[in-house]
Amino acid sequence: MPRNIFQIMLACLLLVGLPSLTGCGDSGAGDAIVQGTVTVDGQLAESGSVVFHSQGDSPAAYGTIREDGTYVLRVGRGNVDNVNASKIMSGDYVATVQIRGPSIPDAEFEGAPPRPGPLLIAEKFTSKATSGLAHTIKAGRNVVNLELESPSEEELQARAEAAAAKEAEEAARKAAEENTDSTPAEEATETEAETTDTEEEVSEGAPADAGDEQNTEEESNS
């Protein structure tokens, strides 16, 4: 009898622990599946990332924009066996999006990681304070399509001006560093020149003094 009771208790423990074991790849509990598409000026995006920032206590949810413009939100690694079944907590969220062009190699430092490519969407969509992409996620399956716009001509002009100002500031900084590095050498050269001039003045003055002493002696003898 005790042996049977032990087997029953062990079976119950396994059954209780089974849901947590099968759900370990889901990186936390969730009751909602969120999928959708991302478009820029009506055209499907081909890459980028989406973040849904919770307005409550739920963790942020992330999604990668695929080549066909679709995304699926997840928390952490999500469902590693079936990403389309990844779940997040229901609630109110604000979405932000990042879509950039190809990375730019760093021409200044060899071996340095490439710089991020240009932002291909209006900058307002990158901040939860200005994106305007507020959505209420309900328990169950949700389809949330994100419609974005590319940057306006005014924004592109402002970006170009900011980039030019940054380049000018960087050039001025490098020039200042070069001047600082060359100043000690220039000062040493000037000091050497001053020393040489002083030595020449001394050498030129010495014979004249000797001549004056000889003339003085001759005048005394006469």
Protein backbone atom coordinates (compact mmCIF):
# COMPACT_ATOMS: atom_id res chain seq x y z
CA MET A 1 0.00 0.00 0.00
CA PRO A 2 2.68 2.62 0.84
CA ARG A 3 4.42 1.83 -2.43
CA ASN A 4 1.21 2.47 -4.41
CA ILE A 5 0.67 5.77 -2.60
CA PHE A 6 4.23 6.83 -3.47
CA GLN A 7 3.69 6.03 -7.16
CA ILE A 8 0.43 7.97 -7.22
CA MET A 9 2.08 11.02 -5.59
CA LEU A 10 4.97 10.86 -8.08
CA ALA A 11 2.55 10.71 -11.04
CA CYS A 12 0.66 13.74 -9.70
CA LEU A 13 3.88 15.74 -9.37
CA LEU A 14 4.83 14.93 -12.96
CA LEU A 15 1.42 15.98 -14.24
CA VAL A 16 1.56 19.24 -12.31
CA GLY A 17 5.04 20.05 -13.60
CA LEU A 18 4.35 19.06 -17.21
CA PRO A 19 2.70 22.37 -18.32
CA SER A 20 5.60 24.41 -17.03
CA LEU A 21 8.08 22.15 -18.79
CA THR A 22 6.31 22.31 -22.14
CA GLY A 23 5.91 26.06 -21.89
CA CYS A 24 9.51 26.86 -20.93
CA GLY A 25 10.30 27.97 -24.47
CA ASP A 26 7.56 30.61 -24.33
CA SER A 27 9.57 32.79 -21.90
CA GLY A 28 6.68 33.59 -19.60
CA ALA A 29 2.91 33.38 -19.49
CA GLY A 30 0.75 35.10 -22.07
CA ASP A 31 -2.85 35.07 -23.22
CA ALA A 32 -2.65 36.86 -26.57
CA ILE A 33 -1.12 36.21 -29.99
CA VAL A 34 -0.28 39.32 -32.01
CA GLN A 35 0.51 39.20 -35.72
CA GLY A 36 0.32 41.71 -38.53
CA THR A 37 2.03 43.48 -41.39
CA VAL A 38 4.13 46.63 -41.62
CA THR A 39 3.80 48.98 -44.59
CA VAL A 40 5.66 52.16 -45.52
CA ASP A 41 3.71 54.44 -47.83
CA GLY A 42 1.48 51.49 -48.62
CA GLN A 43 4.37 49.17 -49.56
CA LEU A 44 5.23 46.11 -47.46
CA ALA A 45 8.43 46.54 -45.46
CA GLU A 46 11.13 43.93 -46.08
CA SER A 47 13.10 44.20 -42.84
CA GLY A 48 13.21 45.95 -39.50
CA SER A 49 11.91 45.46 -35.99
CA VAL A 50 8.79 46.18 -33.97
CA VAL A 51 8.51 46.80 -30.23
CA PHE A 52 5.24 46.96 -28.28
CA HIS A 53 5.75 48.91 -25.05
CA SER A 54 3.25 48.01 -22.33
CA GLN A 55 1.30 50.83 -20.69
CA GLY A 56 1.02 48.63 -17.61
CA ASP A 57 3.30 46.18 -15.83
CA SER A 58 3.67 43.67 -18.67
CA PRO A 59 7.08 43.23 -20.31
CA ALA A 60 7.78 44.72 -23.72
CA ALA A 61 7.10 42.48 -26.73
CA TYR A 62 9.35 42.26 -29.79
CA GLY A 63 8.90 41.23 -33.39
CA THR A 64 11.15 40.94 -36.43
CA ILE A 65 9.79 42.19 -39.75
CA ARG A 66 10.15 39.42 -42.31
CA GLU A 67 10.78 39.78 -46.03
CA ASP A 68 7.03 39.52 -46.72
CA GLY A 69 6.29 42.41 -44.34
CA THR A 70 4.79 40.26 -41.58
CA TYR A 71 5.75 40.11 -37.90
CA VAL A 72 4.80 38.11 -34.80
CA LEU A 73 5.25 39.49 -31.30
CA ARG A 74 7.07 37.55 -28.61
CA VAL A 75 8.45 38.04 -25.12
CA GLY A 76 12.00 36.85 -24.72
CA ARG A 77 12.72 33.98 -27.10
CA GLY A 78 9.04 33.32 -27.59
CA ASN A 79 7.81 29.88 -28.59
CA VAL A 80 10.96 28.27 -29.97
CA ASP A 81 9.00 25.39 -31.49
CA ASN A 82 6.45 27.56 -33.29
CA VAL A 83 7.18 31.29 -33.40
CA ASN A 84 3.71 31.98 -34.79
CA ALA A 85 2.27 30.66 -31.53
CA SER A 86 4.27 33.01 -29.31
CA LYS A 87 2.10 34.81 -26.76
CA ILE A 88 2.21 38.11 -24.89
CA MET A 89 0.04 39.54 -22.13
CA SER A 90 -3.13 41.33 -23.17
CA GLY A 91 -3.39 45.04 -22.36
CA ASP A 92 -2.64 48.49 -23.72
CA TYR A 93 0.56 49.01 -25.72
CA VAL A 94 2.34 51.66 -27.77
CA ALA A 95 4.35 50.40 -30.73
CA THR A 96 7.64 51.71 -32.11
CA VAL A 97 9.34 50.62 -35.31
CA GLN A 98 12.87 50.67 -36.70
CA ILE A 99 13.43 50.25 -40.45
CA ARG A 100 16.86 51.17 -41.81
CA GLY A 101 18.84 50.87 -45.01
CA PRO A 102 22.00 48.76 -45.37
CA SER A 103 24.71 49.26 -42.75
CA ILE A 104 27.57 51.66 -43.57
CA PRO A 105 31.19 50.44 -43.13
CA ASP A 106 33.29 52.57 -40.78
CA ALA A 107 35.90 54.18 -43.06
CA GLU A 108 37.80 55.76 -40.17
CA PHE A 109 38.52 52.73 -37.98
CA GLU A 110 39.46 49.46 -39.70
CA GLY A 111 37.72 46.47 -38.17
CA ALA A 112 35.14 48.60 -36.35
CA PRO A 113 31.50 47.48 -36.53
CA PRO A 114 29.51 49.11 -39.34
CA ARG A 115 27.36 52.12 -38.62
CA PRO A 116 23.55 51.85 -38.78
CA GLY A 117 22.08 52.58 -42.17
CA PRO A 118 19.79 55.56 -42.83
CA LEU A 119 16.35 55.56 -41.21
CA LEU A 120 13.78 54.79 -43.91
CA ILE A 121 10.69 55.90 -41.97
CA ALA A 122 9.64 59.12 -40.29
CA GLU A 123 11.57 59.51 -37.06
CA LYS A 124 8.40 59.91 -35.00
CA PHE A 125 7.71 56.17 -35.33
CA THR A 126 10.91 55.32 -33.42
CA SER A 127 9.74 56.85 -30.12
CA LYS A 128 6.79 55.72 -28.03
CA ALA A 129 6.18 59.36 -27.11
CA THR A 130 5.50 60.36 -30.72
CA SER A 131 4.70 57.19 -32.70
CA GLY A 132 0.93 57.44 -32.25
CA LEU A 133 0.75 53.64 -32.60
CA ALA A 134 -1.38 52.87 -29.53
CA HIS A 135 -3.19 49.52 -29.55
CA THR A 136 -5.26 47.51 -27.11
CA ILE A 137 -4.39 43.82 -27.24
CA LYS A 138 -7.14 41.42 -26.22
CA ALA A 139 -6.87 37.83 -25.10
CA GLY A 140 -6.78 35.47 -28.07
CA ARG A 141 -5.58 36.21 -31.57
CA ASN A 142 -4.97 39.84 -32.64
CA VAL A 143 -4.11 41.20 -36.07
CA VAL A 144 -2.40 44.60 -35.85
CA ASN A 145 -1.26 46.13 -39.12
CA LEU A 146 1.16 49.04 -38.75
CA GLU A 147 0.91 51.72 -41.45
CA LEU A 148 3.93 54.03 -41.56
CA GLU A 149 5.17 56.87 -43.74
CA SER A 150 8.61 57.63 -45.10
CA PRO A 151 10.33 60.84 -43.94
CA SER A 152 9.14 64.11 -45.48
CA GLU A 153 11.39 66.39 -47.52
CA GLU A 154 11.64 68.76 -44.56
CA GLU A 155 12.75 65.94 -42.26
CA LEU A 156 15.32 64.71 -44.77
CA GLN A 157 16.69 68.25 -45.08
CA ALA A 158 16.89 68.57 -41.30
CA ARG A 159 18.72 65.25 -41.08
CA ALA A 160 21.21 66.34 -43.76
CA GLU A 161 21.89 69.61 -41.95
CA ALA A 162 22.36 67.80 -38.65
CA ALA A 163 24.76 65.32 -40.27
CA ALA A 164 26.75 68.16 -41.88
CA ALA A 165 27.00 69.98 -38.54
CA LYS A 166 28.18 66.79 -36.86
CA GLU A 167 30.85 66.24 -39.53
CA ALA A 168 32.05 69.85 -39.16
CA GLU A 169 32.24 69.45 -35.39
CA GLU A 170 34.21 66.23 -35.78
CA ALA A 171 36.60 67.86 -38.26
CA ALA A 172 37.17 70.78 -35.87
CA ARG A 173 37.86 68.37 -33.02
CA LYS A 174 40.44 66.47 -35.07
CA ALA A 175 42.10 69.71 -36.16
CA ALA A 176 42.34 70.83 -32.54
CA GLU A 177 43.91 67.51 -31.57
CA GLU A 178 46.46 67.79 -34.39
CA ASN A 179 47.36 71.35 -33.34
CA THR A 180 47.77 70.20 -29.75
CA ASP A 181 50.08 67.36 -30.83
CA SER A 182 52.25 69.63 -33.03
CA THR A 183 52.59 72.54 -30.54
CA PRO A 184 55.37 71.00 -28.37
CA ALA A 185 57.51 70.31 -31.45
CA GLU A 186 56.97 73.83 -32.74
CA GLU A 187 57.85 75.32 -29.36
CA ALA A 188 61.03 73.21 -29.22
CA THR A 189 62.01 74.45 -32.70
CA GLU A 190 61.43 78.06 -31.68
CA THR A 191 63.52 77.58 -28.51
CA GLU A 192 66.38 76.08 -30.51
CA ALA A 193 66.26 79.01 -32.93
CA GLU A 194 66.35 81.52 -30.07
CA THR A 195 69.30 79.69 -28.49
CA THR A 196 71.19 79.72 -31.80
CA ASP A 197 70.58 83.46 -32.22
CA THR A 198 71.87 84.14 -28.70
CA GLU A 199 75.02 82.11 -29.27
CA GLU A 200 75.71 83.96 -32.53
CA GLU A 201 75.32 87.32 -30.79
CA VAL A 202 77.73 86.26 -28.07
CA SER A 203 80.32 84.98 -30.56
CA GLU A 204 80.10 88.16 -32.61
CA GLY A 205 80.51 90.34 -29.56
CA ALA A 206 83.53 88.55 -28.12
CA PRO A 207 86.19 89.74 -30.65
CA ALA A 208 84.99 93.31 -30.37
CA ASP A 209 85.52 93.24 -26.62
CA ALA A 210 89.03 91.84 -27.09
CA GLY A 211 89.82 94.61 -29.59
CA ASP A 212 88.62 97.27 -27.19
CA GLU A 213 90.85 95.91 -24.41
CA GLN A 214 93.92 95.98 -26.77
CA ASN A 215 93.24 99.60 -27.80
CA THR A 216 92.95 100.60 -24.15
CA GLU A 217 96.33 99.05 -23.33
CA GLU A 218 98.03 100.81 -26.31
CA GLU A 219 96.63 104.18 -25.21
CA SER A 220 97.93 103.59 -21.69
CA ASN A 221 101.50 102.78 -22.93
CA SER A 222 101.61 105.84 -25.11
